[in-house]
Amino acid sequence: MSLQEFDALIDRMKLAYEYAENLGQYVEAAKVLYQMNDQLPDDLQLILDDLENPESAKSFIIKYNNELKSAIVNYRQRLMNF
């Protein structure tokens, strides 16, 4: 995947994430985080806990959002070097 393709995909996912989060749909926002994580290569993917309880979705996204952003930045840097 090229950098431009990755950026376009991640940008769409970020919009979906922010939309769900702003509406208080934390389970949907968590699903988007899982999808974003799946787009990263295996060595950069986070080991995300299972979201077993919808009430814990807000704390889940708070916990993993910044870590995932960092992994995305690392992958973008990798793509720029190719």
Protein backbone atom coordinates (compact mmCIF):
# COMPACT_ATOMS: atom_id res chain seq x y z
CA MET A 1 0.00 0.00 0.00
CA SER A 2 1.31 3.42 -0.90
CA LEU A 3 1.52 6.31 1.51
CA GLN A 4 -1.29 8.13 -0.30
CA GLU A 5 -3.57 5.08 -0.15
CA PHE A 6 -2.82 4.57 3.53
CA ASP A 7 -3.42 8.24 4.33
CA ALA A 8 -6.75 8.25 2.48
CA LEU A 9 -7.91 5.11 4.29
CA ILE A 10 -6.79 6.29 7.72
CA ASP A 11 -8.33 9.74 7.16
CA ARG A 12 -11.71 8.14 6.43
CA MET A 13 -11.38 5.94 9.50
CA LYS A 14 -10.40 8.92 11.67
CA LEU A 15 -13.53 10.75 10.53
CA ALA A 16 -15.68 7.73 11.36
CA TYR A 17 -13.99 7.42 14.74
CA GLU A 18 -14.44 11.10 15.61
CA TYR A 19 -18.06 11.05 14.45
CA ALA A 20 -18.87 8.03 16.63
CA GLU A 21 -16.99 9.44 19.60
CA ASN A 22 -18.70 12.83 19.33
CA LEU A 23 -22.09 11.13 19.30
CA GLY A 24 -21.17 9.12 22.39
CA GLN A 25 -21.18 5.87 20.41
CA TYR A 26 -18.10 4.49 22.11
CA VAL A 27 -18.64 0.89 21.01
CA GLU A 28 -18.66 2.03 17.36
CA ALA A 29 -15.58 4.18 17.99
CA ALA A 30 -13.81 1.15 19.48
CA LYS A 31 -14.68 -0.89 16.38
CA VAL A 32 -13.04 1.75 14.22
CA LEU A 33 -9.90 1.58 16.38
CA TYR A 34 -9.79 -2.19 15.79
CA GLN A 35 -10.10 -1.59 12.03
CA MET A 36 -7.37 1.03 12.05
CA ASN A 37 -5.11 -1.33 13.97
CA ASP A 38 -5.76 -4.05 11.37
CA GLN A 39 -4.37 -1.77 8.64
CA LEU A 40 -0.96 -1.67 10.30
CA PRO A 41 1.72 -4.28 9.60
CA ASP A 42 1.95 -7.07 12.15
CA ASP A 43 5.04 -5.66 13.84
CA LEU A 44 3.30 -2.33 14.57
CA GLN A 45 -0.14 -3.63 15.51
CA LEU A 46 -1.21 -3.09 19.08
CA ILE A 47 -2.45 -5.97 21.16
CA LEU A 48 -5.89 -4.63 21.94
CA ASP A 49 -7.96 -6.03 24.77
CA ASP A 50 -11.29 -7.55 23.85
CA LEU A 51 -14.19 -5.22 24.38
CA GLU A 52 -16.46 -7.48 26.38
CA ASN A 53 -18.53 -4.84 28.12
CA PRO A 54 -20.09 -1.91 26.20
CA GLU A 55 -19.86 0.22 29.36
CA SER A 56 -16.08 -0.04 29.21
CA ALA A 57 -15.91 1.20 25.60
CA LYS A 58 -15.16 4.80 26.58
CA SER A 59 -12.21 3.83 28.74
CA PHE A 60 -11.07 1.45 25.97
CA ILE A 61 -10.88 4.22 23.38
CA ILE A 62 -9.20 6.58 25.83
CA LYS A 63 -6.60 3.89 26.59
CA TYR A 64 -5.75 2.98 23.00
CA ASN A 65 -6.35 6.11 20.92
CA ASN A 66 -2.96 7.76 21.55
CA GLU A 67 -1.04 4.49 21.24
CA LEU A 68 -2.69 3.83 17.89
CA LYS A 69 -1.92 7.34 16.67
CA SER A 70 1.73 6.75 17.48
CA ALA A 71 1.76 3.43 15.61
CA ILE A 72 0.16 5.11 12.58
CA VAL A 73 2.84 7.81 12.59
CA ASN A 74 5.55 5.13 12.72
CA TYR A 75 4.02 3.30 9.77
CA ARG A 76 3.68 6.53 7.76
CA GLN A 77 7.38 7.22 8.35
CA ARG A 78 8.18 3.73 7.17
CA LEU A 79 6.11 4.23 4.00
CA MET A 80 7.84 7.56 3.29
CA ASN A 81 11.22 5.84 3.35
CA PHE A 82 10.26 3.32 0.66
